[in-house]
N, C-alpha and C. Protein backbone atom coordinates (compact mmCIF):
# COMPACT_ATOMS: atom_id res chain seq x y z
N MET A 1 31.78 -69.64 -25.14
CA MET A 1 31.55 -68.99 -25.06
C MET A 1 32.84 -69.87 -23.96
N SER A 2 34.18 -70.01 -24.02
CA SER A 2 35.07 -70.73 -23.24
C SER A 2 36.17 -69.61 -22.56
N TYR A 3 36.41 -69.77 -21.33
CA TYR A 3 37.09 -69.07 -20.88
C TYR A 3 39.00 -69.74 -20.44
N LEU A 4 40.02 -69.22 -20.44
CA LEU A 4 41.21 -69.59 -19.79
C LEU A 4 41.54 -69.43 -18.53
N ILE A 5 41.32 -69.89 -17.60
CA ILE A 5 41.90 -68.83 -16.62
C ILE A 5 43.07 -69.85 -15.53
N GLN A 6 43.94 -69.06 -16.05
CA GLN A 6 45.61 -69.79 -15.64
C GLN A 6 45.96 -69.28 -13.99
N SER A 7 45.98 -69.96 -13.16
CA SER A 7 47.21 -69.38 -11.90
C SER A 7 48.36 -69.81 -11.35
N TRP A 8 49.05 -69.38 -10.80
CA TRP A 8 50.15 -69.77 -10.45
C TRP A 8 50.30 -69.30 -8.98
N PRO A 9 51.50 -69.90 -7.94
CA PRO A 9 51.61 -69.63 -6.93
C PRO A 9 52.68 -68.07 -6.73
N ALA A 10 52.58 -67.31 -6.03
CA ALA A 10 52.68 -65.84 -6.48
C ALA A 10 52.53 -65.10 -5.24
N ALA A 11 53.15 -63.77 -4.78
CA ALA A 11 53.08 -62.93 -3.91
C ALA A 11 51.33 -62.06 -4.16
N HIS A 12 50.40 -62.21 -2.85
CA HIS A 12 49.60 -61.29 -2.75
C HIS A 12 49.99 -59.97 -3.52
N GLN A 13 49.36 -59.61 -4.39
CA GLN A 13 49.16 -58.62 -5.02
C GLN A 13 47.04 -58.04 -5.78
N ASP A 14 46.93 -56.77 -5.54
CA ASP A 14 45.82 -56.15 -5.81
C ASP A 14 45.39 -56.81 -7.42
N ALA A 15 44.17 -57.20 -7.51
CA ALA A 15 43.83 -57.54 -8.74
C ALA A 15 43.95 -56.60 -9.84
N LEU A 16 44.38 -57.25 -11.50
CA LEU A 16 44.50 -56.17 -12.75
C LEU A 16 43.28 -56.23 -13.13
N LEU A 17 42.66 -55.64 -13.46
CA LEU A 17 41.42 -55.63 -14.11
C LEU A 17 41.72 -55.46 -15.81
N VAL A 18 41.49 -56.18 -16.55
CA VAL A 18 42.00 -56.11 -17.70
C VAL A 18 41.08 -55.62 -18.96
N LYS A 19 39.69 -55.75 -18.98
CA LYS A 19 38.76 -55.57 -19.62
C LYS A 19 37.16 -55.95 -18.98
N ALA A 20 36.69 -54.37 -18.54
CA ALA A 20 35.13 -54.68 -18.16
C ALA A 20 34.17 -54.21 -18.75
N THR A 21 33.44 -55.00 -20.63
CA THR A 21 32.91 -54.41 -20.60
C THR A 21 31.50 -55.19 -20.64
N ASP A 22 31.23 -56.02 -20.32
CA ASP A 22 30.18 -56.91 -20.44
C ASP A 22 29.22 -56.57 -19.21
N ALA A 23 27.84 -56.88 -19.16
CA ALA A 23 26.89 -56.81 -18.41
C ALA A 23 27.13 -57.32 -17.20
N TYR A 24 26.98 -59.07 -17.68
CA TYR A 24 27.56 -60.17 -16.24
C TYR A 24 28.61 -59.89 -15.74
N GLY A 25 29.83 -59.79 -16.46
CA GLY A 25 31.31 -59.07 -15.90
C GLY A 25 30.62 -57.83 -14.56
N SER A 26 29.93 -56.60 -14.98
CA SER A 26 29.67 -55.88 -13.91
C SER A 26 28.93 -55.99 -12.56
N GLN A 27 28.14 -57.13 -12.78
CA GLN A 27 27.25 -57.55 -11.57
C GLN A 27 28.61 -58.25 -10.81
N VAL A 28 29.18 -59.66 -11.47
CA VAL A 28 29.90 -59.99 -10.51
C VAL A 28 31.10 -58.90 -9.99
N ARG A 29 31.92 -57.91 -10.22
CA ARG A 29 32.64 -56.65 -10.00
C ARG A 29 31.68 -55.73 -9.07
N ALA A 30 30.58 -56.46 -9.31
CA ALA A 30 29.58 -55.30 -7.70
C ALA A 30 29.73 -55.63 -6.73
N GLN A 31 29.66 -57.31 -6.56
CA GLN A 31 30.09 -58.32 -5.19
C GLN A 31 31.08 -58.28 -4.73
N GLN A 32 30.83 -58.47 -3.23
CA GLN A 32 31.73 -58.39 -2.33
C GLN A 32 32.87 -59.01 -2.60
N ALA A 33 34.26 -59.29 -2.25
CA ALA A 33 35.40 -60.08 -2.91
C ALA A 33 34.84 -61.66 -2.01
N ASP A 34 34.27 -61.38 -0.94
CA ASP A 34 34.14 -62.88 0.56
C ASP A 34 33.13 -63.33 -0.66
N ASP A 35 32.46 -62.69 -1.47
CA ASP A 35 31.30 -64.12 -2.29
C ASP A 35 32.29 -64.72 -3.12
N THR A 36 33.43 -64.74 -3.57
CA THR A 36 33.64 -65.64 -4.66
C THR A 36 34.60 -66.86 -3.92
N ILE A 37 34.65 -67.75 -4.57
CA ILE A 37 34.83 -69.12 -4.08
C ILE A 37 36.33 -69.63 -4.88
N VAL A 38 37.31 -69.53 -4.43
CA VAL A 38 38.25 -70.53 -4.96
C VAL A 38 38.25 -71.66 -4.25
N ILE A 39 38.40 -72.65 -5.70
CA ILE A 39 39.01 -74.19 -5.83
C ILE A 39 39.96 -74.06 -6.01
N ASP A 40 41.03 -74.75 -4.81
CA ASP A 40 42.44 -75.25 -5.01
C ASP A 40 42.31 -76.56 -5.26
N HIS A 41 43.06 -77.02 -6.59
CA HIS A 41 43.61 -77.92 -7.10
C HIS A 41 44.00 -78.71 -6.67
N GLU A 42 44.71 -78.60 -5.06
CA GLU A 42 45.10 -79.88 -4.43
C GLU A 42 43.90 -80.18 -3.58
N ASP A 43 42.43 -80.27 -3.90
CA ASP A 43 41.63 -80.14 -3.29
C ASP A 43 42.01 -81.73 -3.47
N SER A 44 41.67 -83.04 -2.38
CA SER A 44 41.26 -84.31 -3.00
C SER A 44 40.05 -84.65 -2.80
N LEU A 45 39.37 -85.76 -3.24
CA LEU A 45 38.07 -86.51 -3.57
C LEU A 45 37.36 -86.57 -2.50
N ASP A 46 37.96 -86.61 -1.25
CA ASP A 46 37.46 -86.32 0.08
C ASP A 46 36.86 -85.00 0.67
N THR A 47 36.92 -83.99 0.01
CA THR A 47 36.78 -82.86 0.17
C THR A 47 35.20 -82.67 -1.13
N PRO A 48 34.45 -81.99 -0.56
CA PRO A 48 33.06 -81.33 -1.30
C PRO A 48 33.56 -80.95 -2.57
N SER A 49 34.35 -79.86 -2.39
CA SER A 49 34.93 -79.16 -3.29
C SER A 49 35.76 -80.16 -4.40
N GLY A 50 36.38 -81.07 -4.11
CA GLY A 50 37.30 -81.79 -4.96
C GLY A 50 36.37 -83.08 -5.54
N ARG A 51 35.77 -83.06 -4.72
CA ARG A 51 34.40 -83.78 -5.40
C ARG A 51 33.72 -83.30 -6.94
N GLU A 52 33.17 -81.87 -6.24
CA GLU A 52 32.53 -81.24 -7.05
C GLU A 52 33.11 -80.81 -8.67
N ARG A 53 34.65 -81.13 -8.28
CA ARG A 53 35.84 -80.55 -9.71
C ARG A 53 35.87 -82.06 -10.07
N ASP A 54 35.92 -82.76 -9.59
CA ASP A 54 35.88 -84.13 -10.36
C ASP A 54 34.64 -84.28 -10.84
N ILE A 55 33.25 -84.22 -10.41
CA ILE A 55 32.29 -84.11 -11.44
C ILE A 55 32.21 -83.44 -12.85
N LEU A 56 32.34 -82.19 -12.53
CA LEU A 56 32.77 -81.18 -14.04
C LEU A 56 33.71 -81.34 -14.41
N HIS A 57 34.90 -82.10 -14.19
CA HIS A 57 35.70 -82.66 -15.21
C HIS A 57 35.32 -83.86 -15.86
N ARG A 58 34.83 -84.64 -15.46
CA ARG A 58 34.42 -86.34 -15.70
C ARG A 58 32.99 -85.89 -16.91
N ALA A 59 32.58 -84.81 -16.66
CA ALA A 59 31.13 -84.25 -17.62
C ALA A 59 31.51 -83.37 -18.67
N GLU A 60 32.69 -82.73 -18.56
CA GLU A 60 33.17 -82.09 -19.93
C GLU A 60 33.99 -83.49 -20.64
N ARG A 61 34.16 -84.81 -20.70
CA ARG A 61 34.50 -85.30 -20.57
C ARG A 61 33.87 -86.48 -21.21
N GLY A 62 32.56 -85.92 -21.23
CA GLY A 62 30.90 -86.94 -21.29
C GLY A 62 30.47 -87.92 -20.38
N ASP A 63 31.89 -88.27 -19.09
CA ASP A 63 31.51 -89.63 -18.42
C ASP A 63 30.37 -89.11 -17.53
N TYR A 64 29.75 -89.67 -17.54
CA TYR A 64 28.13 -89.22 -16.57
C TYR A 64 28.38 -89.97 -15.32
N SER A 65 28.92 -91.41 -15.61
CA SER A 65 28.68 -92.16 -14.58
C SER A 65 28.60 -91.74 -12.77
């Protein structure tokens, strides 16, 4: 299963829940919002999250070097 999540700069607004029927999603929604990790696409390879994102992108392409 794949999900496409797109984001763009915008003013803050309350979250909109489109569909809430799966068990995993129910568990995630029960967590405090502080447990959410946001990875900024502007992170460079000099940051832990930037390096992690780079590793994930390379793994998606089959590049395990």
